[in-house]
Amino acid sequence: MRGRTKADPGTDRWSRNDWWGPVLQTPDPAALARFYAGLLDWEVLTDEPTWWVIGPGEGVCTLAFQKEEGYVRPVWPSAPGEQQMMMHLDFEVLDLAAAAAEAAERGAVLHDFQPQDDVRVFLDPDGHPFCLYLGKPPEEIA
């Protein structure tokens, strides 16, 4: 993309200027950031009253949370006249049952509609859908 530089992977992450990641709207950025930081075992990088950012501790991908006073929970699957989901997050896991149990323990809600056997659709505490999907162990990847 014009206006961005492609950094050498050996460049210190804090010296890079090609950070990227989705931003979720939320009425409580601190709470939602803590939910995902705990679920993903990521660290908090920024904690301001209206803007929190978490990341994996390496690389330049982040997940950010922005305060939205008029936040309306999305509905999934889509329903006419209801707040539509704008995006969802996918997380690959190797043990779907264990990952699903942890998500539920941390406050996620398993959605009633589950479209695939190897995917679990959850709603985070603010209603954003996210999916846990079963990946292949490293030894099975060719």
C-alpha atoms as a PDB file:
ATOM      1  CA  MET A   1       0.000   0.000   0.000  1.00  0.00           C
ATOM      2  CA  ARG A   2       1.320   3.463  -0.776  1.00  0.00           C
ATOM      3  CA  GLY A   3       2.342   5.384   2.315  1.00  0.00           C
ATOM      4  CA  ARG A   4       3.547   2.295   4.185  1.00  0.00           C
ATOM      5  CA  THR A   5       6.984   0.791   4.322  1.00  0.00           C
ATOM      6  CA  LYS A   6       7.752  -2.882   4.356  1.00  0.00           C
ATOM      7  CA  ALA A   7      10.048  -3.404   7.310  1.00  0.00           C
ATOM      8  CA  ASP A   8      12.732  -6.020   7.501  1.00  0.00           C
ATOM      9  CA  PRO A   9      11.485  -8.798   9.821  1.00  0.00           C
ATOM     10  CA  GLY A  10      14.645  -8.328  11.899  1.00  0.00           C
ATOM     11  CA  THR A  11      13.763  -4.716  12.705  1.00  0.00           C
ATOM     12  CA  ASP A  12      12.809  -4.146  16.325  1.00  0.00           C
ATOM     13  CA  ARG A  13       9.001  -4.142  16.488  1.00  0.00           C
ATOM     14  CA  TRP A  14       8.868  -0.793  18.323  1.00  0.00           C
ATOM     15  CA  SER A  15      10.903   0.819  15.532  1.00  0.00           C
ATOM     16  CA  ARG A  16       8.530  -0.338  12.805  1.00  0.00           C
ATOM     17  CA  ASN A  17       5.795   1.810  11.304  1.00  0.00           C
ATOM     18  CA  ASP A  18       3.698  -0.880   9.622  1.00  0.00           C
ATOM     19  CA  TRP A  19       1.444  -1.825  12.543  1.00  0.00           C
ATOM     20  CA  TRP A  20      -2.058  -2.992  11.639  1.00  0.00           C
ATOM     21  CA  GLY A  21      -5.154  -4.535  13.171  1.00  0.00           C
ATOM     22  CA  PRO A  22      -8.914  -4.326  13.547  1.00  0.00           C
ATOM     23  CA  VAL A  23     -10.658  -1.957  15.945  1.00  0.00           C
ATOM     24  CA  LEU A  24     -13.785  -3.041  17.804  1.00  0.00           C
ATOM     25  CA  GLN A  25     -16.302  -0.457  18.980  1.00  0.00           C
ATOM     26  CA  THR A  26     -17.366  -0.970  22.586  1.00  0.00           C
ATOM     27  CA  PRO A  27     -19.046   0.862  25.451  1.00  0.00           C
ATOM     28  CA  ASP A  28     -16.174  -0.272  27.741  1.00  0.00           C
ATOM     29  CA  PRO A  29     -12.746  -0.536  26.028  1.00  0.00           C
ATOM     30  CA  ALA A  30     -10.968  -1.636  29.208  1.00  0.00           C
ATOM     31  CA  ALA A  31     -13.307  -4.554  29.865  1.00  0.00           C
ATOM     32  CA  LEU A  32     -13.321  -5.828  26.291  1.00  0.00           C
ATOM     33  CA  ALA A  33      -9.535  -5.446  25.970  1.00  0.00           C
ATOM     34  CA  ARG A  34      -9.052  -7.430  29.176  1.00  0.00           C
ATOM     35  CA  PHE A  35     -11.423 -10.135  27.890  1.00  0.00           C
ATOM     36  CA  TYR A  36      -9.455 -10.632  24.657  1.00  0.00           C
ATOM     37  CA  ALA A  37      -6.048 -10.190  26.311  1.00  0.00           C
ATOM     38  CA  GLY A  38      -6.930 -12.991  28.720  1.00  0.00           C
ATOM     39  CA  LEU A  39      -8.434 -15.224  26.043  1.00  0.00           C
ATOM     40  CA  LEU A  40      -5.467 -14.829  23.689  1.00  0.00           C
ATOM     41  CA  ASP A  41      -2.746 -14.458  26.334  1.00  0.00           C
ATOM     42  CA  TRP A  42      -1.794 -11.115  24.774  1.00  0.00           C
ATOM     43  CA  GLU A  43      -0.431  -8.042  26.517  1.00  0.00           C
ATOM     44  CA  VAL A  44      -1.983  -4.601  26.898  1.00  0.00           C
ATOM     45  CA  LEU A  45      -0.019  -2.104  24.792  1.00  0.00           C
ATOM     46  CA  THR A  46      -2.172   1.014  25.294  1.00  0.00           C
ATOM     47  CA  ASP A  47      -4.673   1.759  28.040  1.00  0.00           C
ATOM     48  CA  GLU A  48      -6.327   5.137  27.691  1.00  0.00           C
ATOM     49  CA  PRO A  49      -9.883   5.983  28.798  1.00  0.00           C
ATOM     50  CA  THR A  50     -11.374   5.660  25.299  1.00  0.00           C
ATOM     51  CA  TRP A  51      -8.732   3.550  23.492  1.00  0.00           C
ATOM     52  CA  TRP A  52      -7.116   0.236  24.478  1.00  0.00           C
ATOM     53  CA  VAL A  53      -4.791  -1.861  22.327  1.00  0.00           C
ATOM     54  CA  ILE A  54      -3.562  -5.422  22.889  1.00  0.00           C
ATOM     55  CA  GLY A  55      -0.973  -7.483  21.022  1.00  0.00           C
ATOM     56  CA  PRO A  56       0.757 -10.859  21.071  1.00  0.00           C
ATOM     57  CA  GLY A  57       4.132  -9.624  22.337  1.00  0.00           C
ATOM     58  CA  GLU A  58       5.776 -10.052  18.955  1.00  0.00           C
ATOM     59  CA  GLY A  59       5.084  -8.829  15.441  1.00  0.00           C
ATOM     60  CA  VAL A  60       3.073  -5.748  14.531  1.00  0.00           C
ATOM     61  CA  CYS A  61      -0.535  -6.981  14.536  1.00  0.00           C
ATOM     62  CA  THR A  62      -2.828  -5.595  17.234  1.00  0.00           C
ATOM     63  CA  LEU A  63      -6.440  -5.658  18.309  1.00  0.00           C
ATOM     64  CA  ALA A  64      -7.802  -2.284  19.435  1.00  0.00           C
ATOM     65  CA  PHE A  65     -10.921  -1.220  21.314  1.00  0.00           C
ATOM     66  CA  GLN A  66     -12.510   2.213  20.908  1.00  0.00           C
ATOM     67  CA  LYS A  67     -15.189   3.649  23.176  1.00  0.00           C
ATOM     68  CA  GLU A  68     -18.504   4.148  21.410  1.00  0.00           C
ATOM     69  CA  GLU A  69     -21.151   5.931  23.461  1.00  0.00           C
ATOM     70  CA  GLY A  70     -24.018   4.859  21.184  1.00  0.00           C
ATOM     71  CA  TYR A  71     -22.889   1.244  20.804  1.00  0.00           C
ATOM     72  CA  VAL A  72     -25.608  -1.190  19.724  1.00  0.00           C
ATOM     73  CA  ARG A  73     -24.938  -4.932  19.967  1.00  0.00           C
ATOM     74  CA  PRO A  74     -24.901  -6.651  16.576  1.00  0.00           C
ATOM     75  CA  VAL A  75     -27.246  -9.494  15.724  1.00  0.00           C
ATOM     76  CA  TRP A  76     -25.916 -12.700  14.188  1.00  0.00           C
ATOM     77  CA  PRO A  77     -27.024 -14.295  12.003  1.00  0.00           C
ATOM     78  CA  SER A  78     -28.266 -11.144  10.312  1.00  0.00           C
ATOM     79  CA  ALA A  79     -31.900 -10.183  10.810  1.00  0.00           C
ATOM     80  CA  PRO A  80     -33.843  -7.540   8.867  1.00  0.00           C
ATOM     81  CA  GLY A  81     -34.049  -4.221  10.704  1.00  0.00           C
ATOM     82  CA  GLU A  82     -31.447  -5.222  13.327  1.00  0.00           C
ATOM     83  CA  GLN A  83     -27.916  -3.961  13.904  1.00  0.00           C
ATOM     84  CA  GLN A  84     -25.753  -5.855  11.419  1.00  0.00           C
ATOM     85  CA  MET A  85     -22.430  -7.476  12.234  1.00  0.00           C
ATOM     86  CA  MET A  86     -19.686  -5.560  10.403  1.00  0.00           C
ATOM     87  CA  MET A  87     -16.957  -8.158  10.900  1.00  0.00           C
ATOM     88  CA  HIS A  88     -15.992 -11.069  13.079  1.00  0.00           C
ATOM     89  CA  LEU A  89     -12.729 -12.497  14.390  1.00  0.00           C
ATOM     90  CA  ASP A  90     -11.460 -16.019  13.676  1.00  0.00           C
ATOM     91  CA  PHE A  91      -9.032 -17.872  15.950  1.00  0.00           C
ATOM     92  CA  GLU A  92      -7.460 -21.180  14.964  1.00  0.00           C
ATOM     93  CA  VAL A  93      -7.156 -23.701  17.808  1.00  0.00           C
ATOM     94  CA  LEU A  94      -5.900 -27.276  18.059  1.00  0.00           C
ATOM     95  CA  ASP A  95      -8.312 -28.350  20.826  1.00  0.00           C
ATOM     96  CA  LEU A  96     -11.751 -26.981  20.046  1.00  0.00           C
ATOM     97  CA  ALA A  97     -13.403 -28.290  23.211  1.00  0.00           C
ATOM     98  CA  ALA A  98     -10.724 -26.825  25.511  1.00  0.00           C
ATOM     99  CA  ALA A  99     -10.693 -23.464  23.716  1.00  0.00           C
ATOM    100  CA  ALA A 100     -14.501 -23.292  23.766  1.00  0.00           C
ATOM    101  CA  ALA A 101     -14.576 -24.086  27.483  1.00  0.00           C
ATOM    102  CA  GLU A 102     -12.056 -21.324  28.216  1.00  0.00           C
ATOM    103  CA  ALA A 103     -13.953 -18.785  26.109  1.00  0.00           C
ATOM    104  CA  ALA A 104     -17.126 -19.576  28.043  1.00  0.00           C
ATOM    105  CA  GLU A 105     -15.311 -19.391  31.400  1.00  0.00           C
ATOM    106  CA  ARG A 106     -14.057 -15.906  30.459  1.00  0.00           C
ATOM    107  CA  GLY A 107     -17.573 -14.657  29.699  1.00  0.00           C
ATOM    108  CA  ALA A 108     -18.144 -15.452  26.021  1.00  0.00           C
ATOM    109  CA  VAL A 109     -21.530 -16.903  25.100  1.00  0.00           C
ATOM    110  CA  LEU A 110     -21.810 -19.859  22.738  1.00  0.00           C
ATOM    111  CA  HIS A 111     -24.288 -18.863  20.032  1.00  0.00           C
ATOM    112  CA  ASP A 112     -27.302 -21.093  19.443  1.00  0.00           C
ATOM    113  CA  PHE A 113     -26.562 -21.226  15.707  1.00  0.00           C
ATOM    114  CA  GLN A 114     -23.474 -23.310  14.894  1.00  0.00           C
ATOM    115  CA  PRO A 115     -23.045 -23.648  11.107  1.00  0.00           C
ATOM    116  CA  GLN A 116     -20.106 -26.113  11.084  1.00  0.00           C
ATOM    117  CA  ASP A 117     -18.894 -29.044  13.194  1.00  0.00           C
ATOM    118  CA  ASP A 118     -15.279 -27.804  13.328  1.00  0.00           C
ATOM    119  CA  VAL A 119     -16.179 -24.205  14.270  1.00  0.00           C
ATOM    120  CA  ARG A 120     -17.704 -22.716  17.411  1.00  0.00           C
ATOM    121  CA  VAL A 121     -19.353 -19.315  17.124  1.00  0.00           C
ATOM    122  CA  PHE A 122     -19.265 -17.231  20.306  1.00  0.00           C
ATOM    123  CA  LEU A 123     -20.365 -13.734  21.244  1.00  0.00           C
ATOM    124  CA  ASP A 124     -17.902 -11.677  23.282  1.00  0.00           C
ATOM    125  CA  PRO A 125     -19.203  -9.667  26.273  1.00  0.00           C
ATOM    126  CA  ASP A 126     -20.309  -6.840  23.934  1.00  0.00           C
ATOM    127  CA  GLY A 127     -21.964  -9.166  21.417  1.00  0.00           C
ATOM    128  CA  HIS A 128     -19.262  -9.192  18.713  1.00  0.00           C
ATOM    129  CA  PRO A 129     -19.230 -12.635  17.084  1.00  0.00           C
ATOM    130  CA  PHE A 130     -15.957 -14.549  16.998  1.00  0.00           C
ATOM    131  CA  CYS A 131     -15.164 -18.041  15.807  1.00  0.00           C
ATOM    132  CA  LEU A 132     -12.884 -20.701  17.169  1.00  0.00           C
ATOM    133  CA  TYR A 133     -12.008 -23.116  14.384  1.00  0.00           C
ATOM    134  CA  LEU A 134     -10.138 -26.383  14.412  1.00  0.00           C
ATOM    135  CA  GLY A 135      -6.736 -26.230  12.756  1.00  0.00           C
ATOM    136  CA  LYS A 136      -4.271 -28.939  11.850  1.00  0.00           C
ATOM    137  CA  PRO A 137      -1.376 -29.818  14.127  1.00  0.00           C
ATOM    138  CA  PRO A 138       1.997 -28.609  12.759  1.00  0.00           C
ATOM    139  CA  GLU A 139       3.067 -32.148  11.859  1.00  0.00           C
ATOM    140  CA  GLU A 140       0.049 -32.491   9.532  1.00  0.00           C
ATOM    141  CA  ILE A 141       0.747 -29.285   7.606  1.00  0.00           C
ATOM    142  CA  ALA A 142       2.580 -30.032   4.389  1.00  0.00           C
END
